[in-house]
Amino acid sequence: MILRILLWVVCFLAFASPAFAELNVVATLPWIGSLASDIGGDKVKVTTLVKANRDPHEVVAKPSMILQARRADILMFNGLELEGGFLSILVESSRNPKIQPGTAGNCDCSRFVEVIDKPVIVDRSMGDVHPLGNPYYHLSPKNISKVVEGITERLSRVDPPKADFYKMNLAAFQEKLREKQKQWSSYRLRGEKFLPYHKLFEYLAREFGFEIVGYLEPKPGIPPSAGHVEKIIEMTKRAKPKAILGTMYCEEEELRFLSQKTMVKYIIVPHDVGATAACKDWFTLMDQALAALE
């Protein structure tokens, strides 16, 4: 009889009580997964779908990704159509009622931030332009402060018994962010000029005061032609940027060619958690990105 009672208690704790279960969080991008881990701690299990070396624009939904979405208690994503090639298929095909649009488990992180670069008119001639605004807001400490607040609210809504735990981790994150911002303010980037390959550093430039003088891409998502490269070479000689900026999924050969023609160095800037071995979380991502620019 006692053995039967003990077995019943074990089964109850293992299967019947959500308070003892990890919350299954699925994040599309590494930086989102990093923030979910910071706030969720050991109360959540975080699965990240896209690796740092992949361009989110080119990712397609795979059966393994759909399976992860089917198991999710909450799906966290960048939004602003950055995951446009796979997100809607993922959500629909998962048939998971917890993560459908309009539910607490469908967490669009862009809803928490101030979006810039919203085009007034959009057509095909503009290239791979984002009609809802620039989606690379994760390189902005001000925006990330709002994102972690939003993530905390969503985790607390989906998992109310652990709300105090999530809020405690939020307070610790915000305190660390305030200390890091004091450190980052020592970087002397204000007034410097840079030439990026892709329109990825606008939030960072706005927050740290540097100038973007042009782009190696003639239009978003369109590789530069020989004619455009010649124009960029002439512009670069006039503007004299400090460096040409690329990421790990840019064509480094094009960056090297432009650097040789203009005598301006090129830098591969970490763009997401996991882009380098040192980028272990969002804070170290920012450390590495700012250090590269400095």
Protein backbone atom coordinates (compact mmCIF):
# COMPACT_ATOMS: atom_id res chain seq x y z
CA MET A 1 0.00 0.00 0.00
CA ILE A 2 2.80 2.44 0.92
CA LEU A 3 4.68 1.54 -2.25
CA ARG A 4 1.58 2.20 -4.31
CA ILE A 5 1.16 5.65 -2.72
CA LEU A 6 4.81 6.54 -3.38
CA LEU A 7 4.49 5.53 -7.01
CA TRP A 8 1.37 7.66 -7.36
CA VAL A 9 3.18 10.70 -5.88
CA VAL A 10 6.15 10.27 -8.25
CA CYS A 11 3.85 10.04 -11.26
CA PHE A 12 1.90 13.07 -10.10
CA LEU A 13 5.04 15.18 -9.73
CA ALA A 14 6.46 14.04 -13.06
CA PHE A 15 3.39 14.42 -15.21
CA ALA A 16 0.52 16.19 -13.52
CA SER A 17 2.12 19.32 -12.09
CA PRO A 18 3.28 22.01 -14.56
CA ALA A 19 5.01 23.84 -11.70
CA PHE A 20 7.79 21.20 -11.81
CA ALA A 21 8.13 21.08 -15.59
CA GLU A 22 10.48 23.12 -17.74
CA LEU A 23 8.81 25.54 -20.11
CA ASN A 24 9.64 24.60 -23.70
CA VAL A 25 10.83 27.79 -25.45
CA VAL A 26 11.63 27.74 -29.17
CA ALA A 27 13.58 30.75 -30.48
CA THR A 28 14.19 31.39 -34.16
CA LEU A 29 17.54 33.21 -33.78
CA PRO A 30 20.49 32.77 -31.39
CA TRP A 31 20.26 36.21 -29.74
CA ILE A 32 16.60 35.55 -28.89
CA GLY A 33 17.47 32.17 -27.42
CA SER A 34 20.19 33.83 -25.35
CA LEU A 35 17.77 36.36 -23.85
CA ALA A 36 15.19 33.63 -23.18
CA SER A 37 17.84 31.69 -21.27
CA ASP A 38 18.88 34.78 -19.29
CA ILE A 39 15.31 35.41 -18.13
CA GLY A 40 14.06 31.81 -17.95
CA GLY A 41 17.13 30.32 -16.28
CA ASP A 42 16.72 26.69 -15.28
CA LYS A 43 12.93 26.96 -15.53
CA VAL A 44 12.98 26.86 -19.32
CA LYS A 45 14.39 24.64 -22.03
CA VAL A 46 15.48 26.78 -24.99
CA THR A 47 15.81 25.44 -28.52
CA THR A 48 17.23 27.73 -31.23
CA LEU A 49 16.28 26.98 -34.83
CA VAL A 50 18.72 29.04 -36.92
CA LYS A 51 22.50 29.01 -36.51
CA ALA A 52 24.53 32.22 -36.49
CA ASN A 53 26.27 31.38 -39.76
CA ARG A 54 22.97 31.30 -41.67
CA ASP A 55 21.31 34.31 -43.28
CA PRO A 56 17.72 34.25 -41.88
CA HIS A 57 16.43 35.44 -45.26
CA GLU A 58 17.56 32.19 -46.86
CA VAL A 59 16.33 29.72 -44.24
CA VAL A 60 13.46 27.40 -45.17
CA ALA A 61 11.27 25.36 -42.84
CA LYS A 62 12.51 21.83 -42.20
CA PRO A 63 10.59 18.89 -40.68
CA SER A 64 12.85 19.02 -37.62
CA MET A 65 11.98 22.69 -37.09
CA ILE A 66 8.26 21.99 -37.44
CA LEU A 67 8.59 19.22 -34.84
CA GLN A 68 10.26 21.63 -32.40
CA ALA A 69 7.47 24.17 -32.97
CA ARG A 70 4.88 21.47 -32.35
CA ARG A 71 6.40 20.85 -28.90
CA ALA A 72 6.78 24.53 -27.98
CA ASP A 73 4.99 26.23 -25.12
CA ILE A 74 6.13 29.57 -26.52
CA LEU A 75 7.70 30.59 -29.83
CA MET A 76 9.92 33.70 -29.80
CA PHE A 77 10.93 35.34 -33.07
CA ASN A 78 12.51 38.51 -34.46
CA GLY A 79 9.58 39.63 -36.59
CA LEU A 80 9.50 42.43 -39.22
CA GLU A 81 9.53 39.61 -41.81
CA LEU A 82 13.18 38.70 -41.15
CA GLU A 83 12.05 35.05 -40.85
CA GLY A 84 9.58 35.48 -43.71
CA GLY A 85 10.86 32.44 -45.58
CA PHE A 86 9.96 29.93 -42.89
CA LEU A 87 8.07 31.37 -39.90
CA SER A 88 4.49 31.26 -41.17
CA ILE A 89 4.97 27.72 -42.54
CA LEU A 90 6.44 26.69 -39.21
CA VAL A 91 3.54 28.04 -37.17
CA GLU A 92 0.83 26.71 -39.46
CA SER A 93 2.36 23.28 -40.02
CA SER A 94 3.05 22.74 -36.32
CA ARG A 95 -0.71 22.69 -35.58
CA ASN A 96 0.25 23.81 -32.09
CA PRO A 97 -2.55 25.95 -30.63
CA LYS A 98 -0.16 27.45 -28.05
CA ILE A 99 1.92 29.39 -30.63
CA GLN A 100 -0.67 30.58 -33.12
CA PRO A 101 -0.91 34.36 -33.84
CA GLY A 102 -2.76 36.21 -31.12
CA THR A 103 -1.84 33.76 -28.36
CA ALA A 104 0.53 34.42 -25.45
CA GLY A 105 2.83 31.73 -26.83
CA ASN A 106 3.38 33.63 -30.08
CA CYS A 107 6.04 36.17 -29.07
CA ASP A 108 7.03 38.66 -31.77
CA CYS A 109 9.97 40.49 -30.16
CA SER A 110 9.73 43.40 -32.61
CA ARG A 111 6.45 44.44 -30.94
CA PHE A 112 8.45 45.68 -27.96
CA VAL A 113 10.87 48.01 -29.79
CA GLU A 114 11.00 51.30 -31.66
CA VAL A 115 11.45 50.35 -35.33
CA ILE A 116 13.34 52.60 -37.77
CA ASP A 117 13.64 52.79 -41.58
CA LYS A 118 10.01 52.09 -42.41
CA PRO A 119 9.69 52.75 -46.17
CA VAL A 120 6.80 54.87 -47.38
CA ILE A 121 6.58 53.06 -50.71
CA VAL A 122 7.67 49.48 -51.42
CA ASP A 123 8.06 47.81 -54.81
CA ARG A 124 10.18 45.08 -56.40
CA SER A 125 12.67 47.57 -57.85
CA MET A 126 13.87 48.37 -54.32
CA GLY A 127 15.36 44.89 -53.78
CA ASP A 128 14.88 42.85 -50.61
CA VAL A 129 13.55 45.80 -48.65
CA HIS A 130 11.73 45.25 -45.35
CA PRO A 131 8.31 46.93 -45.60
CA LEU A 132 7.76 46.89 -41.82
CA GLY A 133 11.11 48.52 -41.03
CA ASN A 134 14.71 47.56 -40.29
CA PRO A 135 14.70 44.16 -38.50
CA TYR A 136 18.22 44.33 -36.98
CA TYR A 137 17.19 46.02 -33.74
CA HIS A 138 19.05 43.48 -31.58
CA LEU A 139 22.26 45.55 -31.82
CA SER A 140 20.60 48.30 -29.76
CA PRO A 141 20.92 48.19 -25.95
CA LYS A 142 17.87 50.47 -25.61
CA ASN A 143 15.76 48.10 -27.67
CA ILE A 144 17.07 44.99 -25.94
CA SER A 145 16.08 46.50 -22.59
CA LYS A 146 12.51 46.60 -23.91
CA VAL A 147 12.72 43.15 -25.47
CA VAL A 148 13.71 41.45 -22.21
CA GLU A 149 10.81 43.19 -20.48
CA GLY A 150 8.49 41.81 -23.16
CA ILE A 151 9.99 38.32 -22.89
CA THR A 152 9.54 38.42 -19.11
CA GLU A 153 5.90 39.42 -19.48
CA ARG A 154 5.25 36.60 -21.96
CA LEU A 155 6.99 33.95 -19.86
CA SER A 156 5.05 35.12 -16.82
CA ARG A 157 1.76 34.99 -18.70
CA VAL A 158 2.38 31.50 -20.07
CA ASP A 159 3.85 30.24 -16.77
CA PRO A 160 2.29 32.29 -13.90
CA PRO A 161 3.66 30.19 -10.99
CA LYS A 162 7.21 31.21 -11.92
CA ALA A 163 6.51 34.88 -12.64
CA ASP A 164 8.48 36.13 -9.62
CA PHE A 165 11.50 34.08 -10.72
CA TYR A 166 11.39 35.59 -14.22
CA LYS A 167 11.03 39.11 -12.82
CA MET A 168 14.01 38.56 -10.53
CA ASN A 169 16.13 37.53 -13.53
CA LEU A 170 14.88 40.56 -15.45
CA ALA A 171 16.06 42.87 -12.65
CA ALA A 172 19.49 41.20 -12.70
CA PHE A 173 19.70 41.53 -16.50
CA GLN A 174 18.78 45.24 -16.40
CA GLU A 175 21.35 45.91 -13.70
CA LYS A 176 24.05 44.20 -15.75
CA LEU A 177 22.95 46.16 -18.81
CA ARG A 178 23.33 49.47 -16.97
CA GLU A 179 26.87 48.52 -15.95
CA LYS A 180 27.79 47.39 -19.46
CA GLN A 181 26.46 50.60 -20.99
CA LYS A 182 28.86 52.57 -18.81
CA GLN A 183 31.67 50.41 -20.19
CA TRP A 184 30.48 50.67 -23.80
CA SER A 185 30.23 54.46 -23.56
CA SER A 186 34.05 54.55 -23.46
CA TYR A 187 34.24 53.43 -27.11
CA ARG A 188 35.11 56.41 -29.30
CA LEU A 189 32.82 55.79 -32.24
CA ARG A 190 30.93 59.08 -32.40
CA GLY A 191 31.66 60.85 -35.68
CA GLU A 192 33.49 57.87 -37.23
CA LYS A 193 32.51 56.75 -40.74
CA PHE A 194 31.89 53.17 -41.88
CA LEU A 195 30.87 51.45 -45.12
CA PRO A 196 28.80 48.27 -44.45
CA TYR A 197 28.04 45.56 -46.96
CA HIS A 198 24.42 45.22 -45.81
CA LYS A 199 21.97 47.51 -44.03
CA LEU A 200 22.54 45.84 -40.67
CA PHE A 201 24.17 48.43 -38.42
CA GLU A 202 21.68 51.32 -38.43
CA TYR A 203 20.46 50.85 -34.85
CA LEU A 204 24.04 50.50 -33.64
CA ALA A 205 25.08 53.65 -35.53
CA ARG A 206 22.18 55.66 -34.13
CA GLU A 207 22.94 54.61 -30.57
CA PHE A 208 26.72 55.03 -30.68
CA GLY A 209 26.89 58.05 -32.98
CA PHE A 210 28.83 56.80 -35.98
CA GLU A 211 28.01 57.55 -39.61
CA ILE A 212 27.18 55.09 -42.40
CA VAL A 213 28.39 56.56 -45.70
CA GLY A 214 26.91 53.96 -48.06
CA TYR A 215 26.49 50.23 -48.72
CA LEU A 216 28.37 47.75 -50.82
CA GLU A 217 25.00 46.27 -51.81
CA PRO A 218 23.31 48.54 -54.37
CA LYS A 219 19.95 47.46 -52.95
CA PRO A 220 19.13 45.17 -50.00
CA GLY A 221 19.79 41.56 -50.97
CA ILE A 222 21.19 42.46 -54.41
CA PRO A 223 24.88 41.57 -54.98
CA PRO A 224 27.00 44.50 -56.21
CA SER A 225 27.68 44.71 -59.93
CA ALA A 226 31.08 45.70 -61.33
CA GLY A 227 29.69 49.14 -62.16
CA HIS A 228 28.35 49.66 -58.64
CA VAL A 229 31.66 48.56 -57.12
CA GLU A 230 33.47 51.19 -59.21
CA LYS A 231 31.10 53.86 -57.90
CA ILE A 232 31.65 52.67 -54.32
CA ILE A 233 35.42 52.80 -54.83
CA GLU A 234 35.23 56.44 -55.91
CA MET A 235 32.85 57.32 -53.08
CA THR A 236 35.06 55.55 -50.54
CA LYS A 237 38.11 57.53 -51.64
CA ARG A 238 36.16 60.75 -51.07
CA ALA A 239 34.38 59.83 -47.81
CA LYS A 240 37.41 58.08 -46.25
CA PRO A 241 35.53 55.69 -43.94
CA LYS A 242 37.38 54.10 -41.06
CA ALA A 243 36.52 50.59 -42.25
CA ILE A 244 34.35 48.45 -44.53
CA LEU A 245 31.98 46.27 -42.50
CA GLY A 246 30.86 42.74 -43.27
CA THR A 247 29.38 39.78 -41.39
CA MET A 248 30.21 36.09 -41.47
CA TYR A 249 27.70 35.40 -44.26
CA CYS A 250 28.90 38.21 -46.55
CA GLU A 251 31.09 37.45 -49.56
CA GLU A 252 34.51 38.13 -48.04
CA GLU A 253 36.13 38.13 -51.49
CA GLU A 254 34.17 41.28 -52.40
CA LEU A 255 35.17 42.94 -49.13
CA ARG A 256 38.83 42.08 -49.73
CA PHE A 257 38.70 43.40 -53.31
CA LEU A 258 37.20 46.72 -52.24
CA SER A 259 39.71 47.01 -49.40
CA GLN A 260 42.62 46.48 -51.80
CA LYS A 261 41.26 49.06 -54.26
CA THR A 262 40.62 51.74 -51.63
CA MET A 263 43.30 50.97 -49.01
CA VAL A 264 40.51 50.92 -46.39
CA LYS A 265 40.58 47.90 -44.09
CA TYR A 266 37.59 45.59 -43.87
CA ILE A 267 36.23 44.10 -40.65
CA ILE A 268 34.02 41.05 -40.10
CA VAL A 269 31.69 42.22 -37.32
CA PRO A 270 29.89 39.61 -35.19
CA HIS A 271 26.17 39.99 -35.86
CA ASP A 272 24.61 37.35 -33.59
CA VAL A 273 25.30 35.15 -30.60
CA GLY A 274 27.54 32.30 -31.75
CA ALA A 275 29.02 34.25 -34.66
CA THR A 276 32.39 33.78 -32.95
CA ALA A 277 33.48 31.56 -30.08
CA ALA A 278 33.62 34.65 -27.84
CA CYS A 279 29.98 35.62 -28.53
CA LYS A 280 28.46 33.35 -25.93
CA ASP A 281 25.44 35.55 -25.10
CA TRP A 282 23.98 38.93 -26.07
CA PHE A 283 26.34 40.88 -23.79
CA THR A 284 29.47 39.30 -25.24
CA LEU A 285 28.04 39.80 -28.74
CA MET A 286 27.87 43.53 -28.07
CA ASP A 287 31.35 43.46 -26.51
CA GLN A 288 32.78 41.85 -29.63
CA ALA A 289 30.86 44.00 -32.14
CA LEU A 290 31.89 47.29 -30.49
CA ALA A 291 35.46 46.15 -30.03
CA ALA A 292 35.64 45.29 -33.75
CA LEU A 293 34.46 48.78 -34.67
CA GLU A 294 36.86 50.40 -32.20
